[in-house]
Structures are given as structure tokens and as C-alpha cells.
Amino acid sequence: MEDSARPMKTTASPDQTEWAVIDTFNLAGEVVRLFRSQCDRELRSVGSGMTAAGAAIIMELEMHPGLSQVHLAKAIGTTQMTIVRLLDRLERLGWVRRGHVSADRRTRAVSLTPAGKEVIPKVRAGRRKVLERITSYYEKSEVCFAPNADIRRRAQSRPS
């Protein structure tokens, strides 16, 4: 059979609803990337190694001191390999320390150092500045901030 004689394989194109879902996911990813990028720029003033990911770790450890590396990776939405690299950098900067948990020597608990606690106000201010810049385009009635813990809890409770 010649190539031109073969029937063309066609795939059904997504309908309008499917495109809207795809577009929403793309938009959400874009917003996250832009937020992280702006946070990275803003947080450079905190210290030479502070990034949006580093700030997320610092803030998570402030709320939950002594988290294991595994739980910390899940909390900020990264892999265990990435969290090790991020913690290496934060440890070199003197902002976090890792130690073994007495009940399980394989588990590493992470906590803030006194120097790490000192950067918290700067991290908060930097993140707040970015959030205010992003939300300044909207009317106050259009912007709703549900507590992060509530958003996280609801997202995690949804069945996969």
C-alpha cells in the first residue's frame, strides 16, 4: 500500500471545556513561576543565597521546627534530592542545621539556627512586598487570602 493510500489517523481534538482546563493549569504554573522569580529577585537583599525555595524552607521550619528532611520536602513540594541540595546551601549560610533523630539514626531533623531565625523578618517582608505588588492590580474585594494551612489541608485531602 502506498503512503498516500493509507487512511489518515485522526485524533479527536479537545472540546472547549478541556481547553479551559488545560489553560487553567498552564496559567497556574505560569503564576507560580512568576511568583518564584519575583521572590528570588526580592529576596537577594536578605542574603547571597536566599531564594524563594530557601525562603519556603525557612518559613516552614519556623512553623514546624525539627521537621525531617522527608516531611520538609513534601511540605514545600519538592523532591528529597532537591531538599538535600537546598539544605546544603542553607546550612553553608548558617541558617539551618541538620541532626539525627535519636529514635531513627537514618532520619535527619532540620531546625533553624539563631542566624536563620534572624532572617525571618526579612523573608516575610520580601514575600509580602512581592504579594502586594502582584495583588496591587486587583480591587481589595477581588483578593481573598484563605489561611495557607487551610488551603494545603484541603488540597491534600482531595482524592487522587
C-alpha atoms as a PDB file:
ATOM      1  CA  MET A   1       0.000   0.000   0.000  1.00  0.00           C
ATOM      2  CA  GLU A   2       1.370   3.412  -0.919  1.00  0.00           C
ATOM      3  CA  ASP A   3       1.802   6.052   1.753  1.00  0.00           C
ATOM      4  CA  SER A   4      -0.783   8.284   0.089  1.00  0.00           C
ATOM      5  CA  ALA A   5      -3.337   5.467   0.131  1.00  0.00           C
ATOM      6  CA  ARG A   6      -3.128   4.890   3.882  1.00  0.00           C
ATOM      7  CA  PRO A   7      -6.048   6.223   5.832  1.00  0.00           C
ATOM      8  CA  MET A   8      -5.065   9.261   7.908  1.00  0.00           C
ATOM      9  CA  LYS A   9      -5.116   8.676  11.613  1.00  0.00           C
ATOM     10  CA  THR A  10      -7.092  11.392  13.284  1.00  0.00           C
ATOM     11  CA  THR A  11      -7.348  12.244  16.922  1.00  0.00           C
ATOM     12  CA  ALA A  12     -10.285  13.925  18.478  1.00  0.00           C
ATOM     13  CA  SER A  13      -9.486  17.485  19.449  1.00  0.00           C
ATOM     14  CA  PRO A  14     -10.295  18.559  22.978  1.00  0.00           C
ATOM     15  CA  ASP A  15     -13.563  20.400  23.377  1.00  0.00           C
ATOM     16  CA  GLN A  16     -13.825  23.905  24.834  1.00  0.00           C
ATOM     17  CA  THR A  17     -14.033  22.630  28.422  1.00  0.00           C
ATOM     18  CA  GLU A  18     -10.890  20.543  28.066  1.00  0.00           C
ATOM     19  CA  TRP A  19      -9.018  23.532  26.614  1.00  0.00           C
ATOM     20  CA  ALA A  20     -10.193  25.669  29.523  1.00  0.00           C
ATOM     21  CA  VAL A  21      -8.855  23.092  31.982  1.00  0.00           C
ATOM     22  CA  ILE A  22      -5.524  22.898  30.143  1.00  0.00           C
ATOM     23  CA  ASP A  23      -5.313  26.690  30.032  1.00  0.00           C
ATOM     24  CA  THR A  24      -6.076  26.943  33.768  1.00  0.00           C
ATOM     25  CA  PHE A  25      -3.266  24.528  34.632  1.00  0.00           C
ATOM     26  CA  ASN A  26      -0.861  26.387  32.348  1.00  0.00           C
ATOM     27  CA  LEU A  27      -1.879  29.681  33.934  1.00  0.00           C
ATOM     28  CA  ALA A  28      -1.411  28.314  37.460  1.00  0.00           C
ATOM     29  CA  GLY A  29       2.067  27.080  36.562  1.00  0.00           C
ATOM     30  CA  GLU A  30       2.925  30.432  34.998  1.00  0.00           C
ATOM     31  CA  VAL A  31       1.756  32.327  38.105  1.00  0.00           C
ATOM     32  CA  VAL A  32       3.870  30.092  40.352  1.00  0.00           C
ATOM     33  CA  ARG A  33       6.942  30.594  38.125  1.00  0.00           C
ATOM     34  CA  LEU A  34       6.450  34.370  38.075  1.00  0.00           C
ATOM     35  CA  PHE A  35       5.919  34.493  41.840  1.00  0.00           C
ATOM     36  CA  ARG A  36       9.095  32.466  42.464  1.00  0.00           C
ATOM     37  CA  SER A  37      11.070  34.582  40.022  1.00  0.00           C
ATOM     38  CA  GLN A  38       9.956  37.823  41.675  1.00  0.00           C
ATOM     39  CA  CYS A  39      10.591  36.343  45.125  1.00  0.00           C
ATOM     40  CA  ASP A  40      14.101  35.319  44.071  1.00  0.00           C
ATOM     41  CA  ARG A  41      14.815  38.890  42.953  1.00  0.00           C
ATOM     42  CA  GLU A  42      13.322  40.446  46.070  1.00  0.00           C
ATOM     43  CA  LEU A  43      14.989  38.027  48.482  1.00  0.00           C
ATOM     44  CA  ARG A  44      18.507  38.667  47.172  1.00  0.00           C
ATOM     45  CA  SER A  45      18.633  41.526  49.682  1.00  0.00           C
ATOM     46  CA  VAL A  46      18.218  39.038  52.553  1.00  0.00           C
ATOM     47  CA  GLY A  47      21.459  37.244  51.781  1.00  0.00           C
ATOM     48  CA  SER A  48      23.562  35.980  48.951  1.00  0.00           C
ATOM     49  CA  GLY A  49      21.997  32.524  48.958  1.00  0.00           C
ATOM     50  CA  MET A  50      18.335  33.256  49.673  1.00  0.00           C
ATOM     51  CA  THR A  51      15.838  32.104  47.052  1.00  0.00           C
ATOM     52  CA  ALA A  52      12.098  31.539  47.017  1.00  0.00           C
ATOM     53  CA  ALA A  53      12.732  27.850  47.785  1.00  0.00           C
ATOM     54  CA  GLY A  54      15.082  28.751  50.633  1.00  0.00           C
ATOM     55  CA  ALA A  55      12.502  31.174  51.996  1.00  0.00           C
ATOM     56  CA  ALA A  56       9.850  28.454  51.864  1.00  0.00           C
ATOM     57  CA  ILE A  57      12.122  26.199  53.927  1.00  0.00           C
ATOM     58  CA  ILE A  58      12.874  28.939  56.470  1.00  0.00           C
ATOM     59  CA  MET A  59       9.182  29.749  56.911  1.00  0.00           C
ATOM     60  CA  GLU A  60       8.169  26.083  57.144  1.00  0.00           C
ATOM     61  CA  LEU A  61      10.812  25.469  59.816  1.00  0.00           C
ATOM     62  CA  GLU A  62       9.632  28.486  61.763  1.00  0.00           C
ATOM     63  CA  MET A  63       6.137  26.964  61.926  1.00  0.00           C
ATOM     64  CA  HIS A  64       7.326  23.355  62.353  1.00  0.00           C
ATOM     65  CA  PRO A  65      10.782  23.183  63.947  1.00  0.00           C
ATOM     66  CA  GLY A  66      12.582  19.859  63.762  1.00  0.00           C
ATOM     67  CA  LEU A  67      10.843  18.542  60.647  1.00  0.00           C
ATOM     68  CA  SER A  68      12.508  15.607  58.966  1.00  0.00           C
ATOM     69  CA  GLN A  69      14.011  16.209  55.543  1.00  0.00           C
ATOM     70  CA  VAL A  70      11.351  13.943  54.020  1.00  0.00           C
ATOM     71  CA  HIS A  71       8.464  15.878  55.593  1.00  0.00           C
ATOM     72  CA  LEU A  72      10.094  19.197  54.732  1.00  0.00           C
ATOM     73  CA  ALA A  73      10.399  18.162  51.072  1.00  0.00           C
ATOM     74  CA  LYS A  74       6.696  17.221  51.000  1.00  0.00           C
ATOM     75  CA  ALA A  75       5.701  20.443  52.770  1.00  0.00           C
ATOM     76  CA  ILE A  76       7.363  22.701  50.203  1.00  0.00           C
ATOM     77  CA  GLY A  77       6.523  20.465  47.242  1.00  0.00           C
ATOM     78  CA  THR A  78       9.941  19.271  46.160  1.00  0.00           C
ATOM     79  CA  THR A  79      11.855  16.025  45.908  1.00  0.00           C
ATOM     80  CA  GLN A  80      14.133  14.558  48.546  1.00  0.00           C
ATOM     81  CA  MET A  81      17.124  15.049  46.240  1.00  0.00           C
ATOM     82  CA  THR A  82      16.308  18.725  45.797  1.00  0.00           C
ATOM     83  CA  ILE A  83      15.712  19.318  49.504  1.00  0.00           C
ATOM     84  CA  VAL A  84      19.177  17.932  50.288  1.00  0.00           C
ATOM     85  CA  ARG A  85      20.765  20.382  47.831  1.00  0.00           C
ATOM     86  CA  LEU A  86      18.723  23.301  49.194  1.00  0.00           C
ATOM     87  CA  LEU A  87      19.551  22.391  52.782  1.00  0.00           C
ATOM     88  CA  ASP A  88      23.246  22.075  51.924  1.00  0.00           C
ATOM     89  CA  ARG A  89      23.206  25.689  50.745  1.00  0.00           C
ATOM     90  CA  LEU A  90      21.188  26.963  53.727  1.00  0.00           C
ATOM     91  CA  GLU A  91      23.483  25.071  56.087  1.00  0.00           C
ATOM     92  CA  ARG A  92      26.589  26.648  54.469  1.00  0.00           C
ATOM     93  CA  LEU A  93      24.981  30.050  55.003  1.00  0.00           C
ATOM     94  CA  GLY A  94      24.488  29.167  58.668  1.00  0.00           C
ATOM     95  CA  TRP A  95      20.692  29.407  58.595  1.00  0.00           C
ATOM     96  CA  VAL A  96      19.755  25.754  59.264  1.00  0.00           C
ATOM     97  CA  ARG A  97      21.281  22.726  60.923  1.00  0.00           C
ATOM     98  CA  ARG A  98      20.547  19.060  60.462  1.00  0.00           C
ATOM     99  CA  GLY A  99      20.804  16.421  63.114  1.00  0.00           C
ATOM    100  CA  HIS A 100      19.953  12.784  63.564  1.00  0.00           C
ATOM    101  CA  VAL A 101      16.767  11.795  65.345  1.00  0.00           C
ATOM    102  CA  SER A 102      17.552   9.612  68.348  1.00  0.00           C
ATOM    103  CA  ALA A 103      14.731   7.159  67.578  1.00  0.00           C
ATOM    104  CA  ASP A 104      15.932   6.613  63.992  1.00  0.00           C
ATOM    105  CA  ARG A 105      19.516   7.458  63.053  1.00  0.00           C
ATOM    106  CA  ARG A 106      18.587   7.421  59.344  1.00  0.00           C
ATOM    107  CA  THR A 107      16.171  10.326  59.793  1.00  0.00           C
ATOM    108  CA  ARG A 108      17.611  13.840  59.701  1.00  0.00           C
ATOM    109  CA  ALA A 109      15.688  16.552  61.547  1.00  0.00           C
ATOM    110  CA  VAL A 110      16.130  20.135  60.368  1.00  0.00           C
ATOM    111  CA  SER A 111      15.951  23.239  62.534  1.00  0.00           C
ATOM    112  CA  LEU A 112      16.719  26.910  62.234  1.00  0.00           C
ATOM    113  CA  THR A 113      19.887  28.321  63.745  1.00  0.00           C
ATOM    114  CA  PRO A 114      19.826  31.663  65.587  1.00  0.00           C
ATOM    115  CA  ALA A 115      21.087  33.265  62.333  1.00  0.00           C
ATOM    116  CA  GLY A 116      18.244  31.552  60.450  1.00  0.00           C
ATOM    117  CA  LYS A 117      15.716  32.965  62.899  1.00  0.00           C
ATOM    118  CA  GLU A 118      17.164  36.440  62.338  1.00  0.00           C
ATOM    119  CA  VAL A 119      16.392  36.356  58.587  1.00  0.00           C
ATOM    120  CA  ILE A 120      12.696  35.541  59.133  1.00  0.00           C
ATOM    121  CA  PRO A 121      11.529  39.188  59.304  1.00  0.00           C
ATOM    122  CA  LYS A 122      13.422  39.984  56.081  1.00  0.00           C
ATOM    123  CA  VAL A 123      11.978  36.918  54.352  1.00  0.00           C
ATOM    124  CA  ARG A 124       8.460  37.857  55.454  1.00  0.00           C
ATOM    125  CA  ALA A 125       8.931  41.445  54.285  1.00  0.00           C
ATOM    126  CA  GLY A 126      10.277  40.313  50.904  1.00  0.00           C
ATOM    127  CA  ARG A 127       7.463  37.855  50.323  1.00  0.00           C
ATOM    128  CA  ARG A 128       4.871  40.420  51.452  1.00  0.00           C
ATOM    129  CA  LYS A 129       6.314  43.011  49.065  1.00  0.00           C
ATOM    130  CA  VAL A 130       6.025  40.619  46.121  1.00  0.00           C
ATOM    131  CA  LEU A 131       2.492  39.598  47.069  1.00  0.00           C
ATOM    132  CA  GLU A 132       1.437  43.236  47.423  1.00  0.00           C
ATOM    133  CA  ARG A 133       2.989  44.039  44.034  1.00  0.00           C
ATOM    134  CA  ILE A 134       1.123  41.149  42.393  1.00  0.00           C
ATOM    135  CA  THR A 135      -2.219  41.872  44.063  1.00  0.00           C
ATOM    136  CA  SER A 136      -1.997  45.649  43.564  1.00  0.00           C
ATOM    137  CA  TYR A 137      -3.655  45.187  40.173  1.00  0.00           C
ATOM    138  CA  TYR A 138      -6.858  43.989  41.818  1.00  0.00           C
ATOM    139  CA  GLU A 139      -9.528  45.607  43.925  1.00  0.00           C
ATOM    140  CA  LYS A 140      -9.415  44.584  47.585  1.00  0.00           C
ATOM    141  CA  SER A 141     -12.780  42.845  47.172  1.00  0.00           C
ATOM    142  CA  GLU A 142     -11.257  40.633  44.441  1.00  0.00           C
ATOM    143  CA  VAL A 143      -8.396  39.397  46.607  1.00  0.00           C
ATOM    144  CA  CYS A 144      -9.132  36.728  49.183  1.00  0.00           C
ATOM    145  CA  PHE A 145      -6.435  35.138  51.306  1.00  0.00           C
ATOM    146  CA  ALA A 146      -7.503  31.916  52.943  1.00  0.00           C
ATOM    147  CA  PRO A 147      -5.039  30.679  55.558  1.00  0.00           C
ATOM    148  CA  ASN A 148      -2.291  28.710  53.823  1.00  0.00           C
ATOM    149  CA  ALA A 149      -2.687  25.774  56.187  1.00  0.00           C
ATOM    150  CA  ASP A 150      -6.361  25.552  55.243  1.00  0.00           C
ATOM    151  CA  ILE A 151      -5.574  25.642  51.515  1.00  0.00           C
ATOM    152  CA  ARG A 152      -2.889  22.972  51.942  1.00  0.00           C
ATOM    153  CA  ARG A 153      -5.141  20.769  54.079  1.00  0.00           C
ATOM    154  CA  ARG A 154      -7.976  20.956  51.552  1.00  0.00           C
ATOM    155  CA  ALA A 155      -5.674  20.230  48.591  1.00  0.00           C
ATOM    156  CA  GLN A 156      -4.099  17.260  50.368  1.00  0.00           C
ATOM    157  CA  SER A 157      -7.462  15.815  51.410  1.00  0.00           C
ATOM    158  CA  ARG A 158      -8.727  15.574  47.833  1.00  0.00           C
ATOM    159  CA  PRO A 159      -8.688  12.047  46.446  1.00  0.00           C
ATOM    160  CA  SER A 160      -6.215  11.439  43.633  1.00  0.00           C
END
